[in-house]
N, C-alpha and C. Protein backbone atom coordinates (compact mmCIF):
# COMPACT_ATOMS: atom_id res chain seq x y z
N MET A 1 -7.76 -73.36 23.30
CA MET A 1 -8.46 -74.21 24.24
C MET A 1 -8.45 -73.52 25.60
N LEU A 2 -9.53 -73.68 26.33
CA LEU A 2 -9.59 -73.15 27.69
C LEU A 2 -9.02 -74.18 28.66
N TYR A 3 -8.32 -73.67 29.67
CA TYR A 3 -7.78 -74.51 30.73
C TYR A 3 -8.22 -73.95 32.07
N LEU A 4 -8.68 -74.83 32.94
CA LEU A 4 -9.00 -74.46 34.31
C LEU A 4 -7.80 -74.81 35.17
N ILE A 5 -7.30 -73.84 35.88
CA ILE A 5 -6.14 -74.03 36.75
C ILE A 5 -6.60 -73.83 38.19
N SER A 6 -6.38 -74.84 39.00
CA SER A 6 -6.80 -74.81 40.39
C SER A 6 -5.59 -75.11 41.27
N TYR A 7 -5.50 -74.46 42.42
CA TYR A 7 -4.31 -74.65 43.24
C TYR A 7 -4.62 -74.45 44.72
N ASP A 8 -3.77 -75.02 45.55
CA ASP A 8 -3.70 -74.75 46.98
C ASP A 8 -2.29 -74.26 47.25
N LEU A 9 -2.19 -73.05 47.74
CA LEU A 9 -0.89 -72.46 48.07
C LEU A 9 -0.71 -72.57 49.57
N ASN A 10 0.31 -73.29 49.99
CA ASN A 10 0.43 -73.69 51.39
C ASN A 10 1.32 -72.82 52.24
N ASN A 11 1.84 -71.73 51.71
CA ASN A 11 2.69 -70.85 52.49
C ASN A 11 1.97 -69.51 52.67
N PRO A 12 1.23 -69.33 53.77
CA PRO A 12 0.45 -68.10 53.94
C PRO A 12 1.29 -66.84 54.06
N GLU A 13 2.57 -66.99 54.34
CA GLU A 13 3.44 -65.82 54.48
C GLU A 13 4.00 -65.36 53.14
N LYS A 14 3.82 -66.16 52.10
CA LYS A 14 4.34 -65.82 50.78
C LYS A 14 3.24 -65.14 49.96
N THR A 15 3.62 -64.20 49.12
CA THR A 15 2.62 -63.46 48.34
C THR A 15 2.31 -64.08 46.98
N TYR A 16 3.19 -64.88 46.43
CA TYR A 16 2.99 -65.54 45.14
C TYR A 16 2.74 -64.53 44.01
N ASN A 17 3.36 -63.38 44.10
CA ASN A 17 3.18 -62.34 43.08
C ASN A 17 3.54 -62.82 41.68
N ARG A 18 4.56 -63.64 41.56
CA ARG A 18 4.95 -64.13 40.23
C ARG A 18 3.83 -64.94 39.58
N LEU A 19 3.13 -65.73 40.38
CA LEU A 19 2.01 -66.52 39.87
C LEU A 19 0.90 -65.60 39.36
N TYR A 20 0.51 -64.63 40.16
CA TYR A 20 -0.57 -63.73 39.78
C TYR A 20 -0.16 -62.84 38.61
N ASP A 21 1.09 -62.45 38.55
CA ASP A 21 1.59 -61.69 37.40
C ASP A 21 1.50 -62.52 36.12
N GLU A 22 1.76 -63.81 36.23
CA GLU A 22 1.67 -64.68 35.05
C GLU A 22 0.22 -64.84 34.60
N PHE A 23 -0.70 -64.97 35.55
CA PHE A 23 -2.12 -65.00 35.18
C PHE A 23 -2.49 -63.71 34.44
N ASP A 24 -2.05 -62.58 34.94
CA ASP A 24 -2.33 -61.31 34.27
C ASP A 24 -1.71 -61.26 32.88
N ARG A 25 -0.48 -61.70 32.76
CA ARG A 25 0.22 -61.68 31.47
C ARG A 25 -0.53 -62.50 30.43
N LEU A 26 -1.11 -63.61 30.86
CA LEU A 26 -1.83 -64.51 29.95
C LEU A 26 -3.31 -64.16 29.82
N ASP A 27 -3.72 -63.05 30.41
CA ASP A 27 -5.11 -62.61 30.38
C ASP A 27 -6.05 -63.69 30.92
N ALA A 28 -5.64 -64.34 31.99
CA ALA A 28 -6.47 -65.35 32.65
C ALA A 28 -7.57 -64.67 33.45
N HIS A 29 -8.63 -65.41 33.71
CA HIS A 29 -9.78 -64.89 34.44
C HIS A 29 -9.97 -65.66 35.74
N PRO A 30 -10.10 -64.98 36.87
CA PRO A 30 -10.40 -65.68 38.12
C PRO A 30 -11.82 -66.23 38.06
N VAL A 31 -11.98 -67.44 38.55
CA VAL A 31 -13.29 -68.10 38.54
C VAL A 31 -13.83 -68.16 39.96
N LEU A 32 -13.16 -68.90 40.80
CA LEU A 32 -13.49 -69.05 42.21
C LEU A 32 -12.19 -68.83 42.99
N ASP A 33 -12.26 -68.85 44.30
CA ASP A 33 -11.03 -68.76 45.07
C ASP A 33 -10.09 -69.86 44.60
N SER A 34 -8.90 -69.49 44.26
CA SER A 34 -7.84 -70.43 43.85
C SER A 34 -8.14 -71.14 42.53
N GLN A 35 -8.94 -70.55 41.68
CA GLN A 35 -9.20 -71.12 40.36
C GLN A 35 -9.20 -70.02 39.31
N TRP A 36 -8.56 -70.32 38.19
CA TRP A 36 -8.48 -69.39 37.06
C TRP A 36 -8.77 -70.13 35.77
N ILE A 37 -9.26 -69.41 34.79
CA ILE A 37 -9.41 -69.95 33.44
C ILE A 37 -8.54 -69.13 32.51
N VAL A 38 -7.82 -69.85 31.64
CA VAL A 38 -6.96 -69.18 30.67
C VAL A 38 -7.19 -69.81 29.31
N ASN A 39 -7.19 -68.98 28.28
CA ASN A 39 -7.35 -69.44 26.90
C ASN A 39 -5.98 -69.50 26.25
N LEU A 40 -5.52 -70.72 25.95
CA LEU A 40 -4.19 -70.92 25.36
C LEU A 40 -4.31 -71.82 24.15
N SER A 41 -3.51 -71.56 23.15
CA SER A 41 -3.51 -72.41 21.97
C SER A 41 -2.13 -73.04 21.79
N GLY A 42 -2.11 -74.16 21.08
CA GLY A 42 -0.85 -74.81 20.76
C GLY A 42 -0.14 -75.41 21.95
N THR A 43 -0.88 -75.86 22.94
CA THR A 43 -0.25 -76.45 24.12
C THR A 43 -1.06 -77.65 24.58
N SER A 44 -0.71 -78.20 25.71
CA SER A 44 -1.40 -79.36 26.27
C SER A 44 -1.57 -79.17 27.78
N THR A 45 -2.41 -79.98 28.35
CA THR A 45 -2.63 -79.91 29.80
C THR A 45 -1.32 -80.11 30.55
N ARG A 46 -0.53 -81.07 30.13
CA ARG A 46 0.76 -81.33 30.78
C ARG A 46 1.69 -80.13 30.68
N LYS A 47 1.74 -79.50 29.52
CA LYS A 47 2.61 -78.32 29.34
C LYS A 47 2.13 -77.14 30.19
N VAL A 48 0.83 -76.97 30.30
CA VAL A 48 0.29 -75.90 31.16
C VAL A 48 0.67 -76.17 32.61
N LEU A 49 0.53 -77.40 33.04
CA LEU A 49 0.92 -77.78 34.40
C LEU A 49 2.39 -77.49 34.65
N THR A 50 3.24 -77.93 33.73
CA THR A 50 4.68 -77.71 33.87
C THR A 50 5.01 -76.22 33.90
N HIS A 51 4.35 -75.46 33.07
CA HIS A 51 4.58 -74.02 33.04
C HIS A 51 4.26 -73.37 34.38
N PHE A 52 3.10 -73.66 34.93
CA PHE A 52 2.69 -73.00 36.17
C PHE A 52 3.39 -73.53 37.41
N LYS A 53 3.95 -74.71 37.34
CA LYS A 53 4.74 -75.23 38.48
C LYS A 53 5.92 -74.33 38.80
N ARG A 54 6.39 -73.57 37.83
CA ARG A 54 7.54 -72.67 38.04
C ARG A 54 7.21 -71.53 38.99
N PHE A 55 5.92 -71.28 39.20
CA PHE A 55 5.51 -70.11 39.98
C PHE A 55 5.01 -70.46 41.38
N ILE A 56 5.09 -71.72 41.76
CA ILE A 56 4.64 -72.14 43.08
C ILE A 56 5.75 -72.90 43.79
N ASP A 57 5.53 -73.20 45.05
CA ASP A 57 6.50 -73.94 45.85
C ASP A 57 6.28 -75.45 45.72
N SER A 58 7.28 -76.20 46.10
CA SER A 58 7.21 -77.67 45.96
C SER A 58 6.16 -78.30 46.87
N ASP A 59 5.73 -77.61 47.91
CA ASP A 59 4.69 -78.18 48.78
C ASP A 59 3.29 -77.67 48.44
N ASP A 60 3.16 -76.83 47.40
CA ASP A 60 1.86 -76.38 46.94
C ASP A 60 1.25 -77.44 46.04
N MET A 61 -0.05 -77.32 45.76
CA MET A 61 -0.75 -78.27 44.89
C MET A 61 -1.30 -77.53 43.69
N LEU A 62 -1.30 -78.22 42.54
CA LEU A 62 -1.72 -77.62 41.28
C LEU A 62 -2.47 -78.65 40.46
N LEU A 63 -3.57 -78.22 39.87
CA LEU A 63 -4.40 -79.11 39.06
C LEU A 63 -4.81 -78.34 37.80
N VAL A 64 -4.70 -78.98 36.63
CA VAL A 64 -5.06 -78.35 35.37
C VAL A 64 -6.02 -79.26 34.63
N PHE A 65 -7.13 -78.67 34.15
CA PHE A 65 -8.09 -79.39 33.32
C PHE A 65 -8.26 -78.65 32.01
N ALA A 66 -8.32 -79.38 30.91
CA ALA A 66 -8.69 -78.81 29.63
C ALA A 66 -10.21 -78.74 29.55
N ILE A 67 -10.72 -77.65 28.98
CA ILE A 67 -12.15 -77.49 28.76
C ILE A 67 -12.34 -77.43 27.24
N PRO A 68 -12.60 -78.58 26.62
CA PRO A 68 -12.48 -78.69 25.17
C PRO A 68 -13.56 -78.01 24.34
N SER A 69 -14.76 -77.83 24.86
CA SER A 69 -15.82 -77.28 24.02
C SER A 69 -16.81 -76.50 24.86
N PRO A 70 -17.54 -75.58 24.24
CA PRO A 70 -18.53 -74.81 24.99
C PRO A 70 -19.56 -75.68 25.71
N GLY A 71 -19.90 -76.82 25.15
CA GLY A 71 -20.88 -77.70 25.79
C GLY A 71 -20.37 -78.38 27.04
N SER A 72 -19.07 -78.29 27.29
CA SER A 72 -18.50 -78.99 28.45
C SER A 72 -18.27 -78.04 29.62
N ARG A 73 -18.89 -76.86 29.59
CA ARG A 73 -18.70 -75.92 30.69
C ARG A 73 -20.03 -75.25 31.02
N ALA A 74 -20.18 -74.94 32.27
CA ALA A 74 -21.35 -74.21 32.75
C ALA A 74 -20.95 -73.54 34.04
N GLY A 75 -21.61 -72.47 34.37
CA GLY A 75 -21.30 -71.76 35.60
C GLY A 75 -22.46 -70.88 36.01
N PHE A 76 -22.40 -70.43 37.23
CA PHE A 76 -23.44 -69.55 37.75
C PHE A 76 -22.80 -68.41 38.52
N ASN A 77 -23.20 -67.20 38.22
CA ASN A 77 -22.79 -66.02 38.97
C ASN A 77 -21.27 -65.84 38.97
N LEU A 78 -20.64 -66.12 37.84
CA LEU A 78 -19.19 -66.02 37.72
C LEU A 78 -18.79 -64.57 37.41
N PRO A 79 -17.54 -64.20 37.70
CA PRO A 79 -17.10 -62.81 37.49
C PRO A 79 -16.71 -62.49 36.04
N PHE A 80 -17.18 -63.27 35.07
CA PHE A 80 -16.91 -63.05 33.65
C PHE A 80 -17.99 -63.71 32.85
N ARG A 81 -18.02 -63.42 31.55
CA ARG A 81 -18.95 -64.10 30.64
C ARG A 81 -18.16 -65.10 29.80
N TRP A 82 -18.70 -66.28 29.58
CA TRP A 82 -18.01 -67.29 28.80
C TRP A 82 -17.66 -66.75 27.42
N SER A 83 -18.53 -65.92 26.86
CA SER A 83 -18.28 -65.40 25.52
C SER A 83 -17.07 -64.47 25.47
N ASP A 84 -16.61 -63.98 26.61
CA ASP A 84 -15.43 -63.12 26.65
C ASP A 84 -14.11 -63.90 26.62
N LEU A 85 -14.19 -65.20 26.72
CA LEU A 85 -12.97 -66.00 26.80
C LEU A 85 -12.49 -66.42 25.43
């Protein structure tokens, strides 16, 4: 299942390298500023949220949406092709 992960990182002095390393490890794709799509199986929206909370600060914000089917997504001028996910 595809998951859209969106966040606001509120500490401009922090680099958040662990978060970006985790996106790389999971072969996630950047969509827009502060948004990534990742293809994960055998998990849930809540588990994805809990997993990524480990990589941000307590004052940051995080939002996760499941994208259940190809018909439930559309985009324009994105830095990837849906078929690559």
